[in-house]
PDB file of N, CA and C in Angstrom:
ATOM      1  N   UNK A   1     218.080 104.689  -7.954  1.00  0.00           N
ATOM      2  CA  UNK A   1     218.938 104.284  -9.141  1.00  0.00           C
ATOM      3  C   UNK A   1     218.757 105.558 -10.084  1.00  0.00           C
ATOM      4  N   UNK A   2     219.823 105.796 -10.866  1.00  0.00           N
ATOM      5  CA  UNK A   2     219.930 107.029 -11.749  1.00  0.00           C
ATOM      6  C   UNK A   2     219.244 106.604 -12.969  1.00  0.00           C
ATOM      7  N   UNK A   3     218.540 107.356 -13.813  1.00  0.00           N
ATOM      8  CA  UNK A   3     217.938 107.079 -15.060  1.00  0.00           C
ATOM      9  C   UNK A   3     218.975 106.558 -16.114  1.00  0.00           C
ATOM     10  N   UNK A   4     220.167 106.955 -16.069  1.00  0.00           N
ATOM     11  CA  UNK A   4     221.207 106.615 -17.028  1.00  0.00           C
ATOM     12  C   UNK A   4     221.555 105.026 -16.561  1.00  0.00           C
ATOM     13  N   UNK A   5     221.526 104.736 -15.384  1.00  0.00           N
ATOM     14  CA  UNK A   5     221.799 103.347 -15.052  1.00  0.00           C
ATOM     15  C   UNK A   5     220.578 102.461 -15.411  1.00  0.00           C
ATOM     16  N   UNK A   6     219.523 102.951 -15.183  1.00  0.00           N
ATOM     17  CA  UNK A   6     218.272 102.261 -15.670  1.00  0.00           C
ATOM     18  C   UNK A   6     218.213 102.005 -17.197  1.00  0.00           C
ATOM     19  N   UNK A   7     218.486 103.019 -17.871  1.00  0.00           N
ATOM     20  CA  UNK A   7     218.566 102.847 -19.348  1.00  0.00           C
ATOM     21  C   UNK A   7     219.666 101.902 -19.818  1.00  0.00           C
ATOM     22  N   UNK A   8     220.785 101.905 -19.144  1.00  0.00           N
ATOM     23  CA  UNK A   8     221.761 100.963 -19.511  1.00  0.00           C
ATOM     24  C   UNK A   8     221.519  99.455 -19.106  1.00  0.00           C
ATOM     25  N   UNK A   9     220.839  99.286 -17.924  1.00  0.00           N
ATOM     26  CA  UNK A   9     220.302  97.981 -17.661  1.00  0.00           C
ATOM     27  C   UNK A   9     219.238  97.513 -18.733  1.00  0.00           C
ATOM     28  N   UNK A  10     218.387  98.223 -18.979  1.00  0.00           N
ATOM     29  CA  UNK A  10     217.266  97.994 -19.930  1.00  0.00           C
ATOM     30  C   UNK A  10     217.803  97.617 -21.386  1.00  0.00           C
ATOM     31  N   UNK A  11     218.766  98.506 -21.832  1.00  0.00           N
ATOM     32  CA  UNK A  11     219.365  98.157 -23.165  1.00  0.00           C
ATOM     33  C   UNK A  11     220.172  96.806 -23.117  1.00  0.00           C
ATOM     34  N   UNK A  12     220.998  96.611 -21.919  1.00  0.00           N
ATOM     35  CA  UNK A  12     221.799  95.352 -21.881  1.00  0.00           C
ATOM     36  C   UNK A  12     220.990  94.097 -21.923  1.00  0.00           C
ATOM     37  N   UNK A  13     219.886  94.180 -21.114  1.00  0.00           N
ATOM     38  CA  UNK A  13     218.894  93.025 -20.907  1.00  0.00           C
ATOM     39  C   UNK A  13     218.053  92.781 -22.235  1.00  0.00           C
ATOM     40  N   UNK A  14     217.551  93.763 -22.826  1.00  0.00           N
ATOM     41  CA  UNK A  14     216.541  93.667 -23.941  1.00  0.00           C
ATOM     42  C   UNK A  14     217.083  94.167 -25.391  1.00  0.00           C
ATOM     43  N   UNK A  15     218.231  94.789 -25.351  1.00  0.00           N
ATOM     44  CA  UNK A  15     218.703  95.285 -26.553  1.00  0.00           C
ATOM     45  C   UNK A  15     218.061  96.861 -26.648  1.00  0.00           C
ATOM     46  N   UNK A  16     218.714  97.684 -27.358  1.00  0.00           N
ATOM     47  CA  UNK A  16     218.425  99.046 -27.410  1.00  0.00           C
ATOM     48  C   UNK A  16     216.965  99.278 -27.940  1.00  0.00           C
ATOM     49  N   UNK A  17     216.753  98.730 -29.165  1.00  0.00           N
ATOM     50  CA  UNK A  17     215.346  98.853 -29.908  1.00  0.00           C
ATOM     51  C   UNK A  17     214.368  98.369 -29.084  1.00  0.00           C
ATOM     52  N   UNK A  18     214.438  96.950 -28.662  1.00  0.00           N
ATOM     53  CA  UNK A  18     213.316  96.393 -27.861  1.00  0.00           C
ATOM     54  C   UNK A  18     213.183  97.064 -26.706  1.00  0.00           C
ATOM     55  N   UNK A  19     214.276  97.367 -25.868  1.00  0.00           N
ATOM     56  CA  UNK A  19     214.177  97.976 -24.585  1.00  0.00           C
ATOM     57  C   UNK A  19     213.371  99.280 -24.693  1.00  0.00           C
ATOM     58  N   UNK A  20     213.764 100.152 -25.621  1.00  0.00           N
ATOM     59  CA  UNK A  20     213.110 101.432 -25.866  1.00  0.00           C
ATOM     60  C   UNK A  20     211.558 101.142 -26.174  1.00  0.00           C
ATOM     61  N   UNK A  21     211.176 100.079 -26.928  1.00  0.00           N
ATOM     62  CA  UNK A  21     209.920  99.868 -27.274  1.00  0.00           C
ATOM     63  C   UNK A  21     209.128  99.247 -26.076  1.00  0.00           C
ATOM     64  N   UNK A  22     209.711  98.354 -25.249  1.00  0.00           N
ATOM     65  CA  UNK A  22     209.078  98.004 -24.049  1.00  0.00           C
ATOM     66  C   UNK A  22     208.784  99.159 -23.063  1.00  0.00           C
ATOM     67  N   UNK A  23     209.757 100.097 -22.931  1.00  0.00           N
ATOM     68  CA  UNK A  23     209.533 101.185 -22.001  1.00  0.00           C
ATOM     69  C   UNK A  23     208.461 102.083 -22.468  1.00  0.00           C
ATOM     70  N   UNK A  24     208.349 102.282 -23.707  1.00  0.00           N
ATOM     71  CA  UNK A  24     207.343 103.236 -24.382  1.00  0.00           C
ATOM     72  C   UNK A  24     205.901 102.371 -24.374  1.00  0.00           C
ATOM     73  N   UNK A  25     205.882 101.401 -24.867  1.00  0.00           N
ATOM     74  CA  UNK A  25     204.612 100.555 -25.097  1.00  0.00           C
ATOM     75  C   UNK A  25     204.015  99.465 -24.296  1.00  0.00           C
ATOM     76  N   UNK A  26     204.707  99.026 -23.380  1.00  0.00           N
ATOM     77  CA  UNK A  26     204.305  97.877 -22.627  1.00  0.00           C
ATOM     78  C   UNK A  26     203.649  98.530 -21.280  1.00  0.00           C
ATOM     79  N   UNK A  27     202.444  98.185 -21.072  1.00  0.00           N
ATOM     80  CA  UNK A  27     201.770  98.471 -19.828  1.00  0.00           C
ATOM     81  C   UNK A  27     202.165  97.409 -18.749  1.00  0.00           C
ATOM     82  N   UNK A  28     202.752  98.030 -17.713  1.00  0.00           N
ATOM     83  CA  UNK A  28     203.230  97.167 -16.606  1.00  0.00           C
ATOM     84  C   UNK A  28     202.098  97.255 -15.565  1.00  0.00           C
ATOM     85  N   UNK A  29     201.577  95.815 -15.450  1.00  0.00           N
ATOM     86  CA  UNK A  29     200.363  95.844 -14.553  1.00  0.00           C
ATOM     87  C   UNK A  29     200.609  96.107 -13.053  1.00  0.00           C
ATOM     88  N   UNK A  30     201.824  95.905 -12.618  1.00  0.00           N
ATOM     89  CA  UNK A  30     202.176  96.401 -11.205  1.00  0.00           C
ATOM     90  C   UNK A  30     202.113  97.877 -11.050  1.00  0.00           C
ATOM     91  N   UNK A  31     202.417  98.609 -12.066  1.00  0.00           N
ATOM     92  CA  UNK A  31     202.314 100.084 -11.922  1.00  0.00           C
ATOM     93  C   UNK A  31     201.146 100.814 -12.590  1.00  0.00           C
ATOM     94  N   UNK A  32     200.395 100.109 -13.403  1.00  0.00           N
ATOM     95  CA  UNK A  32     199.218 100.492 -14.151  1.00  0.00           C
ATOM     96  C   UNK A  32     199.533 101.592 -15.158  1.00  0.00           C
ATOM     97  N   UNK A  33     200.747 101.426 -15.776  1.00  0.00           N
ATOM     98  CA  UNK A  33     201.228 102.446 -16.789  1.00  0.00           C
ATOM     99  C   UNK A  33     202.497 101.845 -17.456  1.00  0.00           C
ATOM    100  N   UNK A  34     202.773 102.480 -18.623  1.00  0.00           N
ATOM    101  CA  UNK A  34     204.068 102.259 -19.126  1.00  0.00           C
ATOM    102  C   UNK A  34     205.219 102.624 -18.275  1.00  0.00           C
ATOM    103  N   UNK A  35     206.288 102.076 -18.603  1.00  0.00           N
ATOM    104  CA  UNK A  35     207.537 102.570 -17.921  1.00  0.00           C
ATOM    105  C   UNK A  35     207.809 103.931 -18.222  1.00  0.00           C
ATOM    106  N   UNK A  36     207.545 104.383 -19.428  1.00  0.00           N
ATOM    107  CA  UNK A  36     207.714 105.860 -19.891  1.00  0.00           C
ATOM    108  C   UNK A  36     206.960 106.823 -19.068  1.00  0.00           C
ATOM    109  N   UNK A  37     205.704 106.444 -18.935  1.00  0.00           N
ATOM    110  CA  UNK A  37     204.672 107.087 -18.035  1.00  0.00           C
ATOM    111  C   UNK A  37     205.125 107.345 -16.664  1.00  0.00           C
ATOM    112  N   UNK A  38     205.581 106.133 -16.079  1.00  0.00           N
ATOM    113  CA  UNK A  38     206.094 106.114 -14.768  1.00  0.00           C
ATOM    114  C   UNK A  38     207.215 106.997 -14.576  1.00  0.00           C
ATOM    115  N   UNK A  39     208.160 106.939 -15.336  1.00  0.00           N
ATOM    116  CA  UNK A  39     209.267 107.823 -15.305  1.00  0.00           C
ATOM    117  C   UNK A  39     208.839 109.246 -15.278  1.00  0.00           C
ATOM    118  N   UNK A  40     207.885 109.676 -16.164  1.00  0.00           N
ATOM    119  CA  UNK A  40     207.316 110.940 -16.131  1.00  0.00           C
ATOM    120  C   UNK A  40     206.614 111.527 -14.990  1.00  0.00           C
ATOM    121  N   UNK A  41     205.991 110.323 -14.286  1.00  0.00           N
ATOM    122  CA  UNK A  41     205.232 110.655 -13.154  1.00  0.00           C
ATOM    123  C   UNK A  41     206.178 110.560 -11.898  1.00  0.00           C
ATOM    124  N   UNK A  42     207.446 110.318 -12.081  1.00  0.00           N
ATOM    125  CA  UNK A  42     208.348 110.441 -10.952  1.00  0.00           C
ATOM    126  C   UNK A  42     208.662 109.259 -10.149  1.00  0.00           C
ATOM    127  N   UNK A  43     208.132 108.069 -10.739  1.00  0.00           N
ATOM    128  CA  UNK A  43     208.360 106.812 -10.111  1.00  0.00           C
ATOM    129  C   UNK A  43     209.978 106.517 -10.211  1.00  0.00           C
ATOM    130  N   UNK A  44     210.472 105.956  -9.134  1.00  0.00           N
ATOM    131  CA  UNK A  44     211.928 105.617  -9.005  1.00  0.00           C
ATOM    132  C   UNK A  44     212.277 104.617 -10.022  1.00  0.00           C
ATOM    133  N   UNK A  45     213.294 104.907 -11.031  1.00  0.00           N
ATOM    134  CA  UNK A  45     213.490 103.878 -12.061  1.00  0.00           C
ATOM    135  C   UNK A  45     213.900 102.465 -11.593  1.00  0.00           C
ATOM    136  N   UNK A  46     214.356 102.356 -10.201  1.00  0.00           N
ATOM    137  CA  UNK A  46     214.640 101.019  -9.619  1.00  0.00           C
ATOM    138  C   UNK A  46     213.315 100.291  -9.676  1.00  0.00           C
ATOM    139  N   UNK A  47     212.239 100.990  -9.174  1.00  0.00           N
ATOM    140  CA  UNK A  47     210.963 100.208  -9.078  1.00  0.00           C
ATOM    141  C   UNK A  47     210.333  99.778 -10.440  1.00  0.00           C
ATOM    142  N   UNK A  48     210.649 100.655 -11.447  1.00  0.00           N
ATOM    143  CA  UNK A  48     210.252 100.261 -12.786  1.00  0.00           C
ATOM    144  C   UNK A  48     211.100  99.137 -13.303  1.00  0.00           C
ATOM    145  N   UNK A  49     212.254  99.129 -13.058  1.00  0.00           N
ATOM    146  CA  UNK A  49     213.324  97.982 -13.492  1.00  0.00           C
ATOM    147  C   UNK A  49     212.778  96.753 -12.836  1.00  0.00           C
ATOM    148  N   UNK A  50     212.470  96.709 -11.433  1.00  0.00           N
ATOM    149  CA  UNK A  50     212.125  95.457 -10.806  1.00  0.00           C
ATOM    150  C   UNK A  50     210.734  94.939 -11.436  1.00  0.00           C
ATOM    151  N   UNK A  51     209.891  95.907 -11.724  1.00  0.00           N
ATOM    152  CA  UNK A  51     208.520  95.489 -12.338  1.00  0.00           C
ATOM    153  C   UNK A  51     208.745  94.886 -13.710  1.00  0.00           C
ATOM    154  N   UNK A  52     209.506  95.584 -14.480  1.00  0.00           N
ATOM    155  CA  UNK A  52     209.904  94.850 -15.700  1.00  0.00           C
ATOM    156  C   UNK A  52     210.551  93.637 -15.666  1.00  0.00           C
ATOM    157  N   UNK A  53     211.500  93.411 -14.622  1.00  0.00           N
ATOM    158  CA  UNK A  53     212.254  92.149 -14.425  1.00  0.00           C
ATOM    159  C   UNK A  53     211.152  91.091 -14.113  1.00  0.00           C
ATOM    160  N   UNK A  54     210.295  91.298 -13.261  1.00  0.00           N
ATOM    161  CA  UNK A  54     209.258  90.332 -12.848  1.00  0.00           C
ATOM    162  C   UNK A  54     208.292  90.065 -14.088  1.00  0.00           C
ATOM    163  N   UNK A  55     207.964  91.041 -14.736  1.00  0.00           N
ATOM    164  CA  UNK A  55     207.023  90.997 -15.874  1.00  0.00           C
ATOM    165  C   UNK A  55     207.671  89.908 -16.939  1.00  0.00           C
ATOM    166  N   UNK A  56     209.008  90.194 -17.247  1.00  0.00           N
ATOM    167  CA  UNK A  56     209.708  89.425 -18.316  1.00  0.00           C
ATOM    168  C   UNK A  56     210.493  88.369 -17.869  1.00  0.00           C
ATOM    169  N   UNK A  57     210.338  87.912 -16.624  1.00  0.00           N
ATOM    170  CA  UNK A  57     211.023  86.640 -16.031  1.00  0.00           C
ATOM    171  C   UNK A  57     212.413  86.770 -16.265  1.00  0.00           C
ATOM    172  N   UNK A  58     213.055  87.952 -16.030  1.00  0.00           N
ATOM    173  CA  UNK A  58     214.509  88.119 -16.023  1.00  0.00           C
ATOM    174  C   UNK A  58     214.954  87.600 -14.522  1.00  0.00           C
ATOM    175  N   UNK A  59     216.084  86.673 -14.796  1.00  0.00           N
ATOM    176  CA  UNK A  59     216.619  85.982 -13.605  1.00  0.00           C
ATOM    177  C   UNK A  59     217.031  87.018 -12.514  1.00  0.00           C
ATOM    178  N   UNK A  60     216.647  86.611 -11.211  1.00  0.00           N
ATOM    179  CA  UNK A  60     216.900  87.631 -10.016  1.00  0.00           C
ATOM    180  C   UNK A  60     218.319  88.105 -10.019  1.00  0.00           C
ATOM    181  N   UNK A  61     219.225  87.206 -10.387  1.00  0.00           N
ATOM    182  CA  UNK A  61     220.640  87.742 -10.411  1.00  0.00           C
ATOM    183  C   UNK A  61     220.874  88.984 -11.094  1.00  0.00           C
ATOM    184  N   UNK A  62     220.014  89.349 -12.110  1.00  0.00           N
ATOM    185  CA  UNK A  62     220.224  90.492 -12.931  1.00  0.00           C
ATOM    186  C   UNK A  62     219.164  91.643 -12.603  1.00  0.00           C
ATOM    187  N   UNK A  63     218.449  91.473 -11.569  1.00  0.00           N
ATOM    188  CA  UNK A  63     217.642  92.565 -11.020  1.00  0.00           C
ATOM    189  C   UNK A  63     218.492  93.571 -10.427  1.00  0.00           C
TER     190      UNK A  63
END
């Protein structure tokens, strides 16, 4: 998944402001870091998206 696609999904699901806040501030237990840290560390955005979806109970149809 491209980072631009990830950002679009994030903003569509959570809104731009909340999505950016979640990415920067929310520690994702499955990854042991925030989404922003995971991106910096080279984690595939698809894996970050799936972890966030699981964490925030996003319906499977939107994963």
